[in-house]
Amino acid sequence: MALARPMRWEGDLRRDRCSCAAHLIFRARRVDLATAVASAAVPRYVRSMDKELSHKVCRLIAGLVVSDDDLDSSEDAFIDRMLLKFGIPQDERDTIFPIVDKTEAKSAMQDLPADVQQEAVKLLLEAAVADGKVVTEERAYLHAVAEAIGISAGAMNQKIDDALAKRG
């Protein structure tokens, strides 16, 4: 029976999967460890976006969440997690406003780079199912952005169903 290797500690940071990514960033970029940990937690597609592009994506997602005129606590929590993921501090939450409606979202989606469009669709789907349901207004919003980037209504319906099933 092999003995498990003891965990190694570097200050307050345990070397597990997350911190290993942080250590790789720390060594490769020669940044301080706190910055490396923060970078490891942020998805690569977010790190590659500039501030303006990040705000555009956040506005799209916020627009979807409030499209039914009901901000559920789970949707509000999703917005908080999204802002954290995009590196937007809570005290700058107002910077994602004005929120866009489905017509503006369609136009805004077309203006995004193709790789960002795909990530935005994933985030929009996550946001839509955050409260466990996708209401008519949210579905219409998703269909509008899908149409803008060439995703059929049937394909978007399947993506919505998959996201709901995944959420459980």
C-alpha atoms as a PDB file:
ATOM      1  CA  MET A   1       0.000   0.000   0.000  1.00  0.00           C
ATOM      2  CA  ALA A   2       1.484   3.310  -1.095  1.00  0.00           C
ATOM      3  CA  LEU A   3       1.619   6.132   1.383  1.00  0.00           C
ATOM      4  CA  ALA A   4      -0.101   9.347   0.383  1.00  0.00           C
ATOM      5  CA  ARG A   5       2.223  12.287  -0.123  1.00  0.00           C
ATOM      6  CA  PRO A   6       1.707  14.921   2.518  1.00  0.00           C
ATOM      7  CA  MET A   7       0.294  18.224   1.334  1.00  0.00           C
ATOM      8  CA  ARG A   8       2.915  20.944   1.101  1.00  0.00           C
ATOM      9  CA  TRP A   9       2.184  24.391   2.383  1.00  0.00           C
ATOM     10  CA  GLU A  10       3.486  27.630   0.916  1.00  0.00           C
ATOM     11  CA  GLY A  11       2.452  30.303   3.363  1.00  0.00           C
ATOM     12  CA  ASP A  12      -1.313  30.005   3.624  1.00  0.00           C
ATOM     13  CA  LEU A  13      -1.707  28.334   0.236  1.00  0.00           C
ATOM     14  CA  ARG A  14      -2.189  24.549   0.142  1.00  0.00           C
ATOM     15  CA  ARG A  15      -0.770  22.921  -2.977  1.00  0.00           C
ATOM     16  CA  ASP A  16      -3.859  21.267  -4.375  1.00  0.00           C
ATOM     17  CA  ARG A  17      -5.212  21.462  -7.937  1.00  0.00           C
ATOM     18  CA  CYS A  18      -6.220  25.118  -7.727  1.00  0.00           C
ATOM     19  CA  SER A  19      -3.034  26.253  -6.077  1.00  0.00           C
ATOM     20  CA  CYS A  20      -0.910  24.228  -8.508  1.00  0.00           C
ATOM     21  CA  ALA A  21      -2.380  26.323 -11.310  1.00  0.00           C
ATOM     22  CA  ALA A  22      -1.579  29.415  -9.270  1.00  0.00           C
ATOM     23  CA  HIS A  23       2.010  28.242  -8.751  1.00  0.00           C
ATOM     24  CA  LEU A  24       2.429  27.679 -12.490  1.00  0.00           C
ATOM     25  CA  ILE A  25       1.191  31.199 -13.181  1.00  0.00           C
ATOM     26  CA  PHE A  26       3.364  32.521 -10.351  1.00  0.00           C
ATOM     27  CA  ARG A  27       6.495  30.940 -11.810  1.00  0.00           C
ATOM     28  CA  ALA A  28       5.735  31.639 -15.481  1.00  0.00           C
ATOM     29  CA  ARG A  29       4.769  35.280 -15.078  1.00  0.00           C
ATOM     30  CA  ARG A  30       6.933  36.222 -12.128  1.00  0.00           C
ATOM     31  CA  VAL A  31       3.970  37.855 -10.391  1.00  0.00           C
ATOM     32  CA  ASP A  32       3.226  37.882  -6.685  1.00  0.00           C
ATOM     33  CA  LEU A  33       1.443  34.837  -5.334  1.00  0.00           C
ATOM     34  CA  ALA A  34      -1.842  36.646  -4.581  1.00  0.00           C
ATOM     35  CA  THR A  35      -2.088  37.783  -8.211  1.00  0.00           C
ATOM     36  CA  ALA A  36      -1.285  34.272  -9.379  1.00  0.00           C
ATOM     37  CA  VAL A  37      -4.046  32.774  -7.215  1.00  0.00           C
ATOM     38  CA  ALA A  38      -6.533  35.316  -8.549  1.00  0.00           C
ATOM     39  CA  SER A  39      -5.466  34.589 -12.143  1.00  0.00           C
ATOM     40  CA  ALA A  40      -5.819  30.839 -11.659  1.00  0.00           C
ATOM     41  CA  ALA A  41      -9.417  31.304 -10.540  1.00  0.00           C
ATOM     42  CA  VAL A  42     -10.347  33.403 -13.584  1.00  0.00           C
ATOM     43  CA  PRO A  43     -11.155  31.496 -16.778  1.00  0.00           C
ATOM     44  CA  ARG A  44      -8.735  32.039 -19.643  1.00  0.00           C
ATOM     45  CA  TYR A  45     -11.364  33.620 -21.912  1.00  0.00           C
ATOM     46  CA  VAL A  46     -12.024  36.267 -19.243  1.00  0.00           C
ATOM     47  CA  ARG A  47      -8.317  37.009 -18.787  1.00  0.00           C
ATOM     48  CA  SER A  48      -8.037  37.669 -22.530  1.00  0.00           C
ATOM     49  CA  MET A  49     -10.853  40.257 -22.541  1.00  0.00           C
ATOM     50  CA  ASP A  50     -10.276  43.938 -22.038  1.00  0.00           C
ATOM     51  CA  LYS A  51     -12.384  45.858 -19.537  1.00  0.00           C
ATOM     52  CA  GLU A  52     -14.813  47.200 -22.151  1.00  0.00           C
ATOM     53  CA  LEU A  53     -15.470  43.753 -23.617  1.00  0.00           C
ATOM     54  CA  SER A  54     -15.959  42.268 -20.139  1.00  0.00           C
ATOM     55  CA  HIS A  55     -18.524  44.932 -19.352  1.00  0.00           C
ATOM     56  CA  LYS A  56     -20.387  44.255 -22.619  1.00  0.00           C
ATOM     57  CA  VAL A  57     -20.697  40.565 -21.774  1.00  0.00           C
ATOM     58  CA  CYS A  58     -21.789  41.376 -18.222  1.00  0.00           C
ATOM     59  CA  ARG A  59     -24.440  43.783 -19.550  1.00  0.00           C
ATOM     60  CA  LEU A  60     -25.806  41.034 -21.799  1.00  0.00           C
ATOM     61  CA  ILE A  61     -26.056  38.633 -18.886  1.00  0.00           C
ATOM     62  CA  ALA A  62     -27.586  41.210 -16.542  1.00  0.00           C
ATOM     63  CA  GLY A  63     -30.130  42.029 -19.250  1.00  0.00           C
ATOM     64  CA  LEU A  64     -31.185  38.408 -19.434  1.00  0.00           C
ATOM     65  CA  VAL A  65     -31.483  38.044 -15.676  1.00  0.00           C
ATOM     66  CA  VAL A  66     -33.833  41.025 -15.349  1.00  0.00           C
ATOM     67  CA  SER A  67     -35.748  40.407 -18.585  1.00  0.00           C
ATOM     68  CA  ASP A  68     -38.641  38.931 -16.597  1.00  0.00           C
ATOM     69  CA  ASP A  69     -38.707  41.933 -14.214  1.00  0.00           C
ATOM     70  CA  ASP A  70     -37.967  39.602 -11.312  1.00  0.00           C
ATOM     71  CA  LEU A  71     -34.474  39.379  -9.827  1.00  0.00           C
ATOM     72  CA  ASP A  72     -34.503  36.165  -7.811  1.00  0.00           C
ATOM     73  CA  SER A  73     -31.914  35.825  -5.018  1.00  0.00           C
ATOM     74  CA  SER A  74     -30.208  32.992  -6.928  1.00  0.00           C
ATOM     75  CA  GLU A  75     -30.002  35.219 -10.016  1.00  0.00           C
ATOM     76  CA  ASP A  76     -28.583  38.041  -7.906  1.00  0.00           C
ATOM     77  CA  ALA A  77     -25.993  35.614  -6.511  1.00  0.00           C
ATOM     78  CA  PHE A  78     -25.164  34.558 -10.078  1.00  0.00           C
ATOM     79  CA  ILE A  79     -24.549  38.215 -10.994  1.00  0.00           C
ATOM     80  CA  ASP A  80     -22.217  38.545  -7.990  1.00  0.00           C
ATOM     81  CA  ARG A  81     -20.263  35.430  -9.052  1.00  0.00           C
ATOM     82  CA  MET A  82     -20.115  36.683 -12.636  1.00  0.00           C
ATOM     83  CA  LEU A  83     -18.715  40.039 -11.533  1.00  0.00           C
ATOM     84  CA  LEU A  84     -16.107  38.250  -9.437  1.00  0.00           C
ATOM     85  CA  LYS A  85     -15.200  36.013 -12.383  1.00  0.00           C
ATOM     86  CA  PHE A  86     -14.777  39.054 -14.622  1.00  0.00           C
ATOM     87  CA  GLY A  87     -12.756  40.922 -12.003  1.00  0.00           C
ATOM     88  CA  ILE A  88     -15.348  43.654 -11.518  1.00  0.00           C
ATOM     89  CA  PRO A  89     -15.440  44.726  -7.853  1.00  0.00           C
ATOM     90  CA  GLN A  90     -18.814  44.838  -6.074  1.00  0.00           C
ATOM     91  CA  ASP A  91     -18.516  48.588  -5.606  1.00  0.00           C
ATOM     92  CA  GLU A  92     -18.407  48.873  -9.423  1.00  0.00           C
ATOM     93  CA  ARG A  93     -21.563  46.805  -9.919  1.00  0.00           C
ATOM     94  CA  ASP A  94     -23.321  49.851 -11.394  1.00  0.00           C
ATOM     95  CA  THR A  95     -20.815  49.886 -14.272  1.00  0.00           C
ATOM     96  CA  ILE A  96     -22.634  47.005 -15.963  1.00  0.00           C
ATOM     97  CA  PHE A  97     -25.589  49.301 -16.489  1.00  0.00           C
ATOM     98  CA  PRO A  98     -27.422  50.254 -18.589  1.00  0.00           C
ATOM     99  CA  ILE A  99     -28.762  46.753 -18.981  1.00  0.00           C
ATOM    100  CA  VAL A 100     -29.662  45.810 -22.539  1.00  0.00           C
ATOM    101  CA  ASP A 101     -33.018  44.488 -23.732  1.00  0.00           C
ATOM    102  CA  LYS A 102     -33.299  41.600 -26.205  1.00  0.00           C
ATOM    103  CA  THR A 103     -33.185  43.879 -29.280  1.00  0.00           C
ATOM    104  CA  GLU A 104     -30.044  45.626 -28.055  1.00  0.00           C
ATOM    105  CA  ALA A 105     -28.630  42.272 -26.968  1.00  0.00           C
ATOM    106  CA  LYS A 106     -28.970  40.937 -30.490  1.00  0.00           C
ATOM    107  CA  SER A 107     -26.932  43.835 -31.854  1.00  0.00           C
ATOM    108  CA  ALA A 108     -24.400  43.688 -29.008  1.00  0.00           C
ATOM    109  CA  MET A 109     -23.914  39.960 -29.535  1.00  0.00           C
ATOM    110  CA  GLN A 110     -23.088  40.474 -33.220  1.00  0.00           C
ATOM    111  CA  ASP A 111     -20.397  42.976 -32.243  1.00  0.00           C
ATOM    112  CA  LEU A 112     -18.552  40.460 -30.041  1.00  0.00           C
ATOM    113  CA  PRO A 113     -15.645  38.374 -31.383  1.00  0.00           C
ATOM    114  CA  ALA A 114     -16.705  34.822 -32.336  1.00  0.00           C
ATOM    115  CA  ASP A 115     -14.938  33.106 -29.412  1.00  0.00           C
ATOM    116  CA  VAL A 116     -16.475  35.560 -26.950  1.00  0.00           C
ATOM    117  CA  GLN A 117     -19.911  34.973 -28.483  1.00  0.00           C
ATOM    118  CA  GLN A 118     -19.684  31.265 -27.669  1.00  0.00           C
ATOM    119  CA  GLU A 119     -18.594  31.931 -24.088  1.00  0.00           C
ATOM    120  CA  ALA A 120     -21.330  34.550 -23.719  1.00  0.00           C
ATOM    121  CA  VAL A 121     -23.941  31.981 -24.806  1.00  0.00           C
ATOM    122  CA  LYS A 122     -22.679  29.575 -22.130  1.00  0.00           C
ATOM    123  CA  LEU A 123     -22.850  32.279 -19.481  1.00  0.00           C
ATOM    124  CA  LEU A 124     -26.291  33.397 -20.650  1.00  0.00           C
ATOM    125  CA  LEU A 125     -27.538  29.833 -20.329  1.00  0.00           C
ATOM    126  CA  GLU A 126     -26.049  29.547 -16.828  1.00  0.00           C
ATOM    127  CA  ALA A 127     -27.734  32.805 -15.866  1.00  0.00           C
ATOM    128  CA  ALA A 128     -31.069  31.746 -17.341  1.00  0.00           C
ATOM    129  CA  VAL A 129     -31.200  28.551 -15.288  1.00  0.00           C
ATOM    130  CA  ALA A 130     -29.793  30.113 -12.105  1.00  0.00           C
ATOM    131  CA  ASP A 131     -33.247  30.165 -10.513  1.00  0.00           C
ATOM    132  CA  GLY A 132     -34.176  26.699 -11.802  1.00  0.00           C
ATOM    133  CA  LYS A 133     -36.528  27.867 -14.533  1.00  0.00           C
ATOM    134  CA  VAL A 134     -36.429  29.668 -17.866  1.00  0.00           C
ATOM    135  CA  VAL A 135     -39.445  31.917 -18.257  1.00  0.00           C
ATOM    136  CA  THR A 136     -40.865  33.170 -21.553  1.00  0.00           C
ATOM    137  CA  GLU A 137     -39.001  36.507 -21.442  1.00  0.00           C
ATOM    138  CA  GLU A 138     -35.658  34.820 -20.760  1.00  0.00           C
ATOM    139  CA  ARG A 139     -36.292  32.310 -23.534  1.00  0.00           C
ATOM    140  CA  ALA A 140     -37.091  35.162 -25.968  1.00  0.00           C
ATOM    141  CA  TYR A 141     -33.867  36.937 -24.962  1.00  0.00           C
ATOM    142  CA  LEU A 142     -31.848  33.752 -25.533  1.00  0.00           C
ATOM    143  CA  HIS A 143     -33.501  33.213 -28.918  1.00  0.00           C
ATOM    144  CA  ALA A 144     -32.692  36.791 -29.951  1.00  0.00           C
ATOM    145  CA  VAL A 145     -28.981  36.446 -29.169  1.00  0.00           C
ATOM    146  CA  ALA A 146     -28.910  32.971 -30.722  1.00  0.00           C
ATOM    147  CA  GLU A 147     -30.408  34.289 -33.954  1.00  0.00           C
ATOM    148  CA  ALA A 148     -27.795  37.053 -33.995  1.00  0.00           C
ATOM    149  CA  ILE A 149     -24.957  34.538 -34.154  1.00  0.00           C
ATOM    150  CA  GLY A 150     -26.609  31.906 -36.318  1.00  0.00           C
ATOM    151  CA  ILE A 151     -27.879  29.429 -33.737  1.00  0.00           C
ATOM    152  CA  SER A 152     -31.286  28.043 -34.701  1.00  0.00           C
ATOM    153  CA  ALA A 153     -34.271  28.232 -32.368  1.00  0.00           C
ATOM    154  CA  GLY A 154     -34.287  24.438 -32.114  1.00  0.00           C
ATOM    155  CA  ALA A 155     -30.606  24.318 -31.191  1.00  0.00           C
ATOM    156  CA  MET A 156     -31.106  27.016 -28.551  1.00  0.00           C
ATOM    157  CA  ASN A 157     -34.099  25.162 -27.113  1.00  0.00           C
ATOM    158  CA  GLN A 158     -31.904  22.073 -26.821  1.00  0.00           C
ATOM    159  CA  LYS A 159     -29.172  24.105 -25.105  1.00  0.00           C
ATOM    160  CA  ILE A 160     -31.749  25.479 -22.651  1.00  0.00           C
ATOM    161  CA  ASP A 161     -33.104  21.998 -21.926  1.00  0.00           C
ATOM    162  CA  ASP A 162     -29.565  20.667 -21.431  1.00  0.00           C
ATOM    163  CA  ALA A 163     -28.702  23.530 -19.070  1.00  0.00           C
ATOM    164  CA  LEU A 164     -31.875  22.933 -17.030  1.00  0.00           C
ATOM    165  CA  ALA A 165     -31.150  19.200 -16.857  1.00  0.00           C
ATOM    166  CA  LYS A 166     -27.546  19.845 -15.829  1.00  0.00           C
ATOM    167  CA  ARG A 167     -28.686  22.168 -13.052  1.00  0.00           C
ATOM    168  CA  GLY A 168     -30.969  19.413 -11.822  1.00  0.00           C
END
